[in-house]
Each structure stands twice: as structure tokens, then as C-alpha cells.
């Protein structure tokens, strides 16, 4: 990871500062250059460590085999305007499954209750200053976003495992290393500068094509395709850069690769300035709730309050609440989640999972809208519902 002295240069207040920070610490070329990282407390990894997602290698302190597709994700929150008006703020550093989709909240015991105090205890004051300016929750509670990002994503990275650190390391060194690496990678990707250097600027009237943005951005990551995310107004709000990793999150090398997710922007989209006009996505956690039913597509019946599928009687009412990372789901029985066997269930003792709703209001878990059951229920019988494919496959639509 970058040293504390290097981090002092990444107290970023503008894109110019981003560029200066990168220039001071890392050699630049026409190709992407991974941040200079070092983590002496982490288990040392061999120089010839395999690239993440390589076949025939298992997860370890030096290799990400299961969740080895990394995404450095950025927000453009234009309403409410969030962060500096010339910076794409950091959303997070994610590790998706090599085969697509993602795991989440894998090791709850690794999480911390307060990221701010943890970083201060480690002496990472400059890192925290950078995050307070550039890793923003559009609703104002940055700490909740940081906690969420670590608990949801970092706890699924095998190389972040606290067991990978020497016994002399500070207790939460692995937390500091994750946030340092996330910020260092983001600092290498000043999207605002990439775009404006190509003559692309925020505007309330100008429209752009997907190819214009791809050309401007991919040139800086070895011509790898990036993901462009637009909101319901077809205004861009997110950019995702994809990488494989050689070594560990703490001190490895990020190698650009093509996006495996189709961009949601369509030609004629806008890049609106941060002036507060229009919609605007981002790290929101305003808690707005919508009530409705959950129905398996193309199948009779619906889900009932314990999360099982029932074809007789009345559909249960579910509440979908916006959270930092998407939505949570609950019924009269309690919160809903997906357990270790992939079963969807709701109850007072169930740990709530993170879901999202796609553009068709289908329930998405772990990046996939695939759900299944082993059999179709009839009469008074019920069928358990599982994430992923099975004997009977369907999507679950939220009808409000």
C-alpha cells in the first residue's frame, strides 16, 4: 500500500490534485500502471503469484481464486450534488466471482463497527481526509457507506483475511490496507480528467454516445472496456473499471480487463453537472420503503411471509427499503435473507441480505436475477425458493 507520506499527496480536492498525486508516486505511461503498494505486515507473496481467476489454484493469502474479478467503482452524484464538482467520487473496491455475480458479507467477524475510529487508531489520518472528501454517501452519512462497503465486499476477499497478517501487526491492519488500496487504485483513475481531456464535459444539453465515453476511458486502462451506468433519466451516474489481481489486495498488482457487465447507458445519454438538477443515483441510504408482493415470473402463486412459494391463498406483503448498497426486503415475519445454502427466507432470526431491483423490478441477489425451486407447490404445500438455477427456474418480480 502507499506509505503514510505518500498518502499525504492524495488529500484530493480536485481532479488536478488527483493527477498530481498519481504523478508524484507512480510512473505514468500510456498504459495503466498499478499503484505502488507495500504491506510489510501482510504475508509476503511470491513475485510469480498467479493472476486471480486462474484455473487450478485455491484461495489463499496471496491469491483470489473465487472472488477474483475486481471492480473499482465510481459515482457521479448530480442531485444532490455530492463531492467536488470535478471529481467522480469513489463508490468502492469490489471482488466479483470469476464466473460472474458476487458473494457478499462472507465473514462478518472481519467487519468493524466504526471505520473512522479504526483508521485514526492506525494513524491513517491523511487517508481518512481523502475519504471524507472523495468517498461520499450522497445522503451525508459517509461512515455508513464505508462500513457497508467493507462488510459486504472486503470480507469476501481471501487476501484480506486477518489471519494473513503477522502476530505483531495492529489488530485492524487488514482494514487499513483495504481502504488504502481502494483509494490508491481510485486515484489512478481520475475519470473527470480522462473525459475532459477528450473534450467531454458535463452539460445540461449535450448528449453523448457510449462509444465516446468508452474511447475516452478505456485508453487509460489498456483499452479495456468499462461499465457505464445510467439512471432512469439516461444520465450517467457510475463508472466501473474491471481488473484481475496478481498477489494480495494489500500489496498486489491490478491488471485491467474488460467489463463483463453490459452498460446500462444508451446512446444519447447526458453527463449532467453537479448542480442539483434532475434525479441522480449514488450512495443513498434515505430508507424510503415501498410495499408490494413477490411473484415468481411465469408461475402461479407468489411468495408468502416466511419466504416460501405458495400457490393457494393470499400473497404476503413485503417491504422493500432503500439501503446504502441497494435494497433490503422484509415481511411480517421479519427481515429476509439468503442463507449459506442459498435459501431465501424471512423471520425474526434471519440476517438481512443485500438485494437490488433491476429495471424490470426483478429481485437481484449477488448480481443474479436467477431463482429456483425443486418442485412446484400445489394445494396447501409450500416450496422453498433458492438463489440460482434449479429444477424450476424463474425470476422474482416485485409488484408494488
Protein backbone atom coordinates (compact mmCIF):
# COMPACT_ATOMS: atom_id res chain seq x y z
CA UNK A 1 0.00 0.00 0.00
CA UNK A 2 1.06 3.61 -0.30
CA UNK A 3 3.08 4.87 2.63
CA UNK A 4 1.63 7.43 5.02
CA UNK A 5 3.85 10.11 3.48
CA UNK A 6 2.60 9.22 0.01
CA UNK A 7 -0.97 9.37 1.22
CA UNK A 8 -0.42 12.99 2.17
CA UNK A 9 -0.31 13.74 -1.54
CA UNK A 10 -3.73 12.15 -2.07
CA UNK A 11 -5.73 14.57 0.03
CA UNK A 12 -7.67 15.33 -3.11
CA UNK A 13 -9.78 18.41 -3.58
CA UNK A 14 -9.81 18.46 -7.37
CA UNK A 15 -9.00 16.34 -10.37
CA UNK A 16 -5.79 18.31 -10.73
CA UNK A 17 -4.81 17.09 -7.30
CA UNK A 18 -5.68 13.54 -8.34
CA UNK A 19 -3.33 13.78 -11.28
CA UNK A 20 -0.60 15.34 -9.14
CA UNK A 21 -0.99 12.60 -6.54
CA UNK A 22 -0.57 9.87 -9.11
CA UNK A 23 2.32 11.63 -10.82
CA UNK A 24 4.23 12.03 -7.57
CA UNK A 25 4.11 8.41 -6.58
CA UNK A 26 3.69 6.19 -9.63
CA UNK A 27 5.35 6.32 -13.07
CA UNK A 28 2.88 7.13 -15.84
CA UNK A 29 2.64 5.72 -19.33
CA UNK A 30 0.00 5.32 -21.98
CA UNK A 31 -0.95 2.05 -20.28
CA UNK A 32 -2.39 1.57 -16.83
CA UNK A 33 0.22 1.33 -14.07
CA UNK A 34 -0.94 -0.34 -10.87
CA UNK A 35 -0.48 1.71 -7.69
CA UNK A 36 2.78 1.19 -5.82
CA UNK A 37 1.67 -0.84 -2.82
CA UNK A 38 3.58 -2.33 0.09
CA UNK A 39 2.27 -4.03 3.21
CA UNK A 40 5.09 -5.39 5.37
CA UNK A 41 2.68 -6.81 7.96
CA UNK A 42 0.89 -8.96 5.36
CA UNK A 43 2.21 -12.40 4.43
CA UNK A 44 4.76 -11.88 1.66
CA UNK A 45 3.56 -13.10 -1.73
CA UNK A 46 5.84 -14.54 -4.43
CA UNK A 47 6.64 -12.39 -7.43
CA UNK A 48 5.26 -15.12 -9.69
CA UNK A 49 1.91 -15.35 -7.89
CA UNK A 50 -0.82 -16.40 -10.35
CA UNK A 51 -3.31 -13.89 -11.68
CA UNK A 52 -6.66 -14.02 -9.90
CA UNK A 53 -9.26 -16.29 -11.52
CA UNK A 54 -6.56 -18.58 -12.93
CA UNK A 55 -7.68 -22.20 -13.01
CA UNK A 56 -6.35 -24.86 -10.67
CA UNK A 57 -5.46 -22.56 -7.77
CA UNK A 58 -7.34 -22.19 -4.49
CA UNK A 59 -7.94 -19.09 -2.39
CA UNK A 60 -5.06 -18.10 -0.13
CA UNK A 61 -3.39 -15.07 1.42
CA UNK A 62 -1.72 -14.43 -1.94
CA UNK A 63 -4.40 -15.49 -4.41
CA UNK A 64 -8.03 -14.60 -5.11
CA UNK A 65 -9.49 -17.62 -6.87
CA UNK A 66 -13.21 -17.49 -6.07
CA UNK A 67 -13.85 -13.75 -5.97
CA UNK A 68 -11.05 -12.66 -8.25
CA UNK A 69 -12.68 -10.17 -10.61
CA UNK A 70 -12.09 -6.75 -9.07
CA UNK A 71 -14.05 -3.59 -9.76
CA UNK A 72 -13.01 -0.06 -8.89
CA UNK A 73 -16.36 1.73 -8.94
CA UNK A 74 -17.08 5.46 -9.06
CA UNK A 75 -20.14 7.67 -8.51
CA UNK A 76 -21.28 10.83 -10.25
CA UNK A 77 -24.00 12.12 -7.91
CA UNK A 78 -25.55 15.18 -9.50
CA UNK A 79 -28.66 15.50 -7.34
CA UNK A 80 -28.00 16.06 -4.58
CA UNK A 81 -24.59 17.15 -5.80
CA UNK A 82 -22.08 15.10 -3.81
CA UNK A 83 -18.33 15.57 -3.60
CA UNK A 84 -16.20 18.04 -5.59
CA UNK A 85 -17.83 19.11 -8.84
CA UNK A 86 -14.81 17.94 -10.85
CA UNK A 87 -14.38 14.50 -9.25
CA UNK A 88 -16.01 11.13 -9.81
CA UNK A 89 -16.20 10.02 -6.19
CA UNK A 90 -15.23 6.55 -5.03
CA UNK A 91 -18.02 4.00 -4.62
CA UNK A 92 -15.90 1.03 -3.61
CA UNK A 93 -13.46 -1.77 -4.39
CA UNK A 94 -15.45 -4.92 -5.13
CA UNK A 95 -14.46 -8.53 -5.79
CA UNK A 96 -16.93 -10.37 -8.00
CA UNK A 97 -16.94 -14.09 -8.65
CA UNK A 98 -14.76 -15.13 -11.56
CA UNK A 99 -17.82 -16.70 -13.21
CA UNK A 100 -19.99 -13.60 -12.71
CA UNK A 101 -22.19 -12.40 -9.88
CA UNK A 102 -20.79 -11.87 -6.42
CA UNK A 103 -20.75 -13.13 -2.86
CA UNK A 104 -21.45 -10.74 -0.01
CA UNK A 105 -20.93 -10.44 3.75
CA UNK A 106 -18.79 -13.60 3.65
CA UNK A 107 -17.01 -13.26 7.02
CA UNK A 108 -18.98 -10.97 9.36
CA UNK A 109 -16.34 -11.34 12.09
CA UNK A 110 -13.87 -9.36 9.97
CA UNK A 111 -16.11 -6.26 9.92
CA UNK A 112 -15.60 -3.26 12.19
CA UNK A 113 -18.20 -1.12 13.92
CA UNK A 114 -16.54 2.20 13.12
CA UNK A 115 -14.22 2.70 10.15
CA UNK A 116 -13.33 6.27 11.14
CA UNK A 117 -12.05 5.38 14.60
CA UNK A 118 -10.29 2.28 13.24
CA UNK A 119 -8.32 4.32 10.70
CA UNK A 120 -7.50 7.00 13.26
CA UNK A 121 -6.23 4.35 15.68
CA UNK A 122 -3.96 3.08 12.89
CA UNK A 123 -2.65 6.60 12.31
CA UNK A 124 -4.22 6.87 8.84
CA UNK A 125 -5.30 10.48 9.24
CA UNK A 126 -4.42 11.54 5.70
CA UNK A 127 -6.21 8.55 4.21
CA UNK A 128 -9.30 9.47 6.21
CA UNK A 129 -9.14 13.08 4.99
CA UNK A 130 -9.07 11.82 1.41
CA UNK A 131 -12.06 9.56 2.03
CA UNK A 132 -14.04 12.34 3.70
CA UNK A 133 -13.70 14.42 0.53
CA UNK A 134 -13.90 11.76 -2.15
CA UNK A 135 -15.63 8.62 -0.81
CA UNK A 136 -19.05 10.10 -0.26
CA UNK A 137 -22.53 8.95 0.63
CA UNK A 138 -24.98 11.20 -1.22
CA UNK A 139 -27.23 11.26 1.85
CA UNK A 140 -24.42 12.56 4.04
CA UNK A 141 -23.54 9.56 6.23
CA UNK A 142 -20.14 8.58 4.84
CA UNK A 143 -19.33 6.28 7.76
CA UNK A 144 -22.32 4.04 7.00
CA UNK A 145 -21.19 3.70 3.37
CA UNK A 146 -17.63 2.77 4.39
CA UNK A 147 -18.86 0.20 6.91
CA UNK A 148 -21.20 -1.27 4.32
CA UNK A 149 -18.55 -1.47 1.60
CA UNK A 150 -16.09 -3.25 3.88
CA UNK A 151 -18.63 -5.67 5.36
CA UNK A 152 -20.20 -6.53 2.01
CA UNK A 153 -17.13 -6.73 -0.23
CA UNK A 154 -13.83 -6.81 1.68
CA UNK A 155 -14.94 -9.72 3.87
CA UNK A 156 -15.17 -11.85 0.71
CA UNK A 157 -11.53 -11.24 -0.29
CA UNK A 158 -9.31 -14.13 0.82
CA UNK A 159 -6.17 -11.97 0.82
CA UNK A 160 -7.77 -9.50 3.27
CA UNK A 161 -8.19 -12.27 5.86
CA UNK A 162 -6.77 -11.02 9.19
CA UNK A 163 -5.08 -14.42 9.53
CA UNK A 164 -2.80 -13.35 6.65
CA UNK A 165 -1.08 -10.84 8.94
CA UNK A 166 1.81 -11.32 11.32
CA UNK A 167 1.08 -11.60 15.02
CA UNK A 168 2.85 -8.27 15.58
CA UNK A 169 0.52 -6.39 13.22
CA UNK A 170 -2.02 -3.95 14.67
CA UNK A 171 -5.36 -5.68 15.22
CA UNK A 172 -7.11 -3.99 12.30
CA UNK A 173 -4.20 -3.59 9.89
CA UNK A 174 -6.18 -5.53 7.28
CA UNK A 175 -8.89 -2.85 7.41
CA UNK A 176 -6.37 -0.07 6.86
CA UNK A 177 -4.78 -1.96 3.97
CA UNK A 178 -8.12 -2.49 2.23
CA UNK A 179 -9.11 1.18 2.39
CA UNK A 180 -5.62 2.33 1.41
CA UNK A 181 -5.58 0.08 -1.65
CA UNK A 182 -9.12 1.09 -2.63
CA UNK A 183 -8.19 4.78 -2.51
CA UNK A 184 -4.84 4.25 -4.26
CA UNK A 185 -6.50 2.44 -7.16
CA UNK A 186 -9.21 5.09 -7.43
CA UNK A 187 -6.53 7.82 -7.51
CA UNK A 188 -5.07 6.12 -10.58
CA UNK A 189 -8.40 6.53 -12.36
CA UNK A 190 -9.28 10.27 -12.48
CA UNK A 191 -12.31 9.82 -14.72
CA UNK A 192 -13.19 13.51 -14.85
CA UNK A 193 -9.76 14.32 -16.27
CA UNK A 194 -9.87 11.38 -18.68
CA UNK A 195 -13.17 12.65 -20.07
CA UNK A 196 -12.47 16.37 -20.18
CA UNK A 197 -9.09 15.76 -21.84
CA UNK A 198 -11.12 14.06 -24.59
CA UNK A 199 -13.41 17.09 -24.93
CA UNK A 200 -16.27 15.52 -22.96
CA UNK A 201 -17.72 17.80 -20.29
CA UNK A 202 -20.81 17.89 -18.05
CA UNK A 203 -23.74 19.66 -19.70
CA UNK A 204 -27.48 20.04 -19.31
CA UNK A 205 -27.96 19.94 -23.10
CA UNK A 206 -25.12 17.94 -24.68
CA UNK A 207 -25.67 14.23 -25.25
CA UNK A 208 -23.06 11.51 -25.74
CA UNK A 209 -22.72 8.03 -27.16
CA UNK A 210 -21.46 5.01 -25.27
CA UNK A 211 -18.54 4.76 -27.69
CA UNK A 212 -17.41 8.33 -26.96
CA UNK A 213 -17.11 7.53 -23.26
CA UNK A 214 -15.54 4.13 -23.91
CA UNK A 215 -12.87 5.66 -26.15
CA UNK A 216 -12.03 8.35 -23.58
CA UNK A 217 -11.82 5.98 -20.61
CA UNK A 218 -10.55 2.67 -21.96
CA UNK A 219 -7.45 4.35 -23.40
CA UNK A 220 -6.19 4.66 -19.81
CA UNK A 221 -6.75 1.01 -18.81
CA UNK A 222 -5.00 -0.87 -21.62
CA UNK A 223 -8.03 -0.36 -23.90
CA UNK A 224 -10.19 -2.49 -21.61
CA UNK A 225 -13.93 -1.91 -21.81
CA UNK A 226 -15.51 -0.22 -18.79
CA UNK A 227 -19.07 -0.30 -17.47
CA UNK A 228 -21.19 2.85 -17.79
CA UNK A 229 -24.23 3.08 -15.52
CA UNK A 230 -27.11 5.47 -16.19
CA UNK A 231 -30.19 6.27 -14.13
CA UNK A 232 -33.82 6.27 -15.27
CA UNK A 233 -33.24 9.67 -16.91
CA UNK A 234 -30.46 8.14 -19.05
CA UNK A 235 -27.96 10.35 -17.23
CA UNK A 236 -24.66 8.71 -16.33
CA UNK A 237 -24.05 8.14 -12.61
CA UNK A 238 -21.50 5.30 -12.41
CA UNK A 239 -18.28 4.04 -13.99
CA UNK A 240 -16.82 0.62 -13.16
CA UNK A 241 -13.25 -0.36 -14.07
CA UNK A 242 -12.52 -4.11 -14.08
CA UNK A 243 -9.27 -5.80 -13.01
CA UNK A 244 -7.65 -9.08 -12.19
CA UNK A 245 -5.21 -9.11 -9.28
CA UNK A 246 -1.71 -10.51 -9.07
CA UNK A 247 -0.92 -11.07 -5.40
CA UNK A 248 -2.88 -9.66 -2.47
CA UNK A 249 -5.22 -6.70 -2.11
CA UNK A 250 -2.71 -5.19 0.31
CA UNK A 251 0.34 -5.20 -1.97
CA UNK A 252 -0.61 -6.77 -5.30
CA UNK A 253 -0.83 -5.52 -8.87
CA UNK A 254 -4.17 -4.75 -10.52
CA UNK A 255 -4.29 -5.78 -14.19
CA UNK A 256 -7.06 -4.18 -16.32
CA UNK A 257 -9.55 -6.46 -18.04
CA UNK A 258 -12.80 -5.99 -19.95
CA UNK A 259 -16.10 -5.41 -18.19
CA UNK A 260 -18.33 -8.47 -18.10
CA UNK A 261 -21.41 -6.32 -17.39
CA UNK A 262 -23.32 -4.63 -20.19
CA UNK A 263 -23.54 -0.87 -19.75
CA UNK A 264 -26.99 0.44 -18.87
CA UNK A 265 -26.44 3.75 -20.69
CA UNK A 266 -27.81 4.08 -24.21
CA UNK A 267 -26.67 6.45 -26.93
CA UNK A 268 -27.93 9.97 -26.35
CA UNK A 269 -27.28 9.91 -22.60
CA UNK A 270 -26.29 13.00 -20.65
CA UNK A 271 -23.49 13.77 -18.24
CA UNK A 272 -25.22 16.35 -16.07
CA UNK A 273 -23.24 18.85 -13.99
CA UNK A 274 -23.41 18.64 -10.22
CA UNK A 275 -25.93 21.42 -9.86
CA UNK A 276 -28.82 19.57 -8.25
CA UNK A 277 -30.98 19.31 -11.38
CA UNK A 278 -32.75 16.05 -12.15
CA UNK A 279 -32.51 12.64 -10.48
CA UNK A 280 -29.12 11.19 -9.70
CA UNK A 281 -28.05 7.90 -8.16
CA UNK A 282 -25.32 7.12 -5.68
CA UNK A 283 -24.57 6.05 -2.15
CA UNK A 284 -28.00 6.84 -0.85
CA UNK A 285 -29.47 5.38 2.32
CA UNK A 286 -32.58 7.51 2.73
CA UNK A 287 -34.61 4.49 3.90
CA UNK A 288 -37.64 5.06 1.66
CA UNK A 289 -39.89 1.98 1.71
CA UNK A 290 -42.30 0.51 -0.85
CA UNK A 291 -44.78 -2.29 -0.15
CA UNK A 292 -45.79 -5.00 -2.62
CA UNK A 293 -45.83 -8.70 -3.50
CA UNK A 294 -43.06 -11.04 -4.67
CA UNK A 295 -44.19 -13.22 -7.58
CA UNK A 296 -42.26 -15.94 -9.48
CA UNK A 297 -42.36 -14.98 -13.16
CA UNK A 298 -44.32 -17.33 -15.41
CA UNK A 299 -45.50 -19.35 -12.42
CA UNK A 300 -48.73 -19.46 -10.40
CA UNK A 301 -48.88 -18.09 -6.88
CA UNK A 302 -46.44 -15.90 -5.01
CA UNK A 303 -44.14 -15.80 -2.02
CA UNK A 304 -45.61 -15.84 1.46
CA UNK A 305 -44.30 -14.22 4.63
CA UNK A 306 -41.71 -16.89 5.52
CA UNK A 307 -40.20 -16.57 2.03
CA UNK A 308 -41.54 -19.83 0.59
CA UNK A 309 -43.57 -20.22 -2.62
CA UNK A 310 -47.30 -20.88 -2.26
CA UNK A 311 -49.93 -21.28 -4.99
CA UNK A 312 -53.08 -21.13 -2.83
CA UNK A 313 -54.32 -18.29 -0.68
CA UNK A 314 -53.24 -14.68 -0.35
CA UNK A 315 -49.89 -13.18 -1.32
CA UNK A 316 -47.84 -11.77 1.54
CA UNK A 317 -46.95 -8.09 1.67
CA UNK A 318 -43.22 -7.42 1.53
CA UNK A 319 -41.48 -4.15 2.28
CA UNK A 320 -38.56 -3.10 0.09
CA UNK A 321 -36.40 -0.43 1.73
CA UNK A 322 -33.58 1.51 0.07
CA UNK A 323 -30.19 0.99 1.71
CA UNK A 324 -26.62 2.10 1.08
CA UNK A 325 -25.95 -0.81 -1.27
CA UNK A 326 -29.35 -1.45 -2.83
CA UNK A 327 -32.48 -2.61 -1.00
CA UNK A 328 -33.44 -4.75 1.96
CA UNK A 329 -36.56 -6.93 1.99
CA UNK A 330 -38.79 -7.78 4.94
CA UNK A 331 -42.19 -9.33 5.65
CA UNK A 332 -44.45 -9.53 8.69
CA UNK A 333 -42.20 -12.39 9.88
CA UNK A 334 -39.08 -10.20 9.92
CA UNK A 335 -36.09 -9.45 7.67
CA UNK A 336 -35.45 -11.57 4.59
CA UNK A 337 -32.13 -13.04 3.56
CA UNK A 338 -30.37 -15.82 1.69
CA UNK A 339 -28.67 -18.41 3.89
CA UNK A 340 -25.49 -20.40 3.28
CA UNK A 341 -27.38 -22.95 1.20
CA UNK A 342 -28.88 -20.23 -1.00
CA UNK A 343 -32.36 -20.47 0.53
CA UNK A 344 -34.49 -17.32 0.61
CA UNK A 345 -36.27 -16.97 3.94
CA UNK A 346 -37.78 -14.36 6.24
CA UNK A 347 -38.03 -14.34 10.02
CA UNK A 348 -37.02 -12.63 13.23
CA UNK A 349 -33.79 -14.65 13.43
CA UNK A 350 -32.86 -14.19 9.75
CA UNK A 351 -29.90 -11.95 8.88
CA UNK A 352 -30.96 -9.38 6.30
CA UNK A 353 -29.25 -9.71 2.91
CA UNK A 354 -28.48 -7.00 0.38
CA UNK A 355 -30.60 -7.14 -2.77
CA UNK A 356 -31.17 -4.86 -5.73
CA UNK A 357 -34.09 -4.39 -8.11
CA UNK A 358 -33.34 -4.33 -11.83
CA UNK A 359 -35.05 -2.10 -14.38
CA UNK A 360 -37.99 -4.54 -14.52
CA UNK A 361 -38.35 -4.66 -10.73
CA UNK A 362 -36.94 -8.19 -10.57
CA UNK A 363 -35.20 -9.11 -7.33
CA UNK A 364 -31.43 -9.50 -7.77
CA UNK A 365 -29.11 -11.23 -5.30
CA UNK A 366 -25.36 -11.47 -5.73
CA UNK A 367 -25.59 -9.88 -9.17
CA UNK A 368 -28.03 -12.51 -10.49
CA UNK A 369 -31.79 -12.41 -11.01
CA UNK A 370 -32.00 -16.23 -11.21
CA UNK A 371 -34.19 -18.00 -8.64
CA UNK A 372 -35.46 -21.56 -8.48
CA UNK A 373 -37.37 -24.24 -6.61
CA UNK A 374 -37.05 -28.01 -6.56
CA UNK A 375 -40.75 -28.50 -7.28
CA UNK A 376 -43.92 -26.53 -7.90
CA UNK A 377 -46.18 -26.39 -4.84
CA UNK A 378 -49.85 -27.34 -5.03
CA UNK A 379 -52.76 -27.21 -2.63
CA UNK A 380 -51.50 -26.37 0.83
CA UNK A 381 -47.91 -27.38 0.16
CA UNK A 382 -45.08 -24.88 0.01
CA UNK A 383 -41.79 -24.88 -1.87
CA UNK A 384 -38.50 -23.42 -0.71
CA UNK A 385 -37.03 -20.78 -3.01
CA UNK A 386 -33.30 -20.70 -3.77
CA UNK A 387 -30.92 -18.22 -5.35
CA UNK A 388 -29.58 -19.55 -8.65
CA UNK A 389 -30.73 -22.22 -11.08
CA UNK A 390 -32.55 -25.43 -10.19
CA UNK A 391 -35.34 -27.74 -11.32
CA UNK A 392 -37.87 -24.93 -11.81
CA UNK A 393 -36.33 -21.59 -12.78
CA UNK A 394 -37.84 -18.13 -12.63
CA UNK A 395 -37.29 -14.50 -11.72
CA UNK A 396 -38.96 -12.93 -8.70
CA UNK A 397 -40.84 -9.77 -9.60
CA UNK A 398 -41.65 -7.12 -7.01
CA UNK A 399 -45.16 -5.86 -7.81
CA UNK A 400 -45.91 -2.71 -5.83
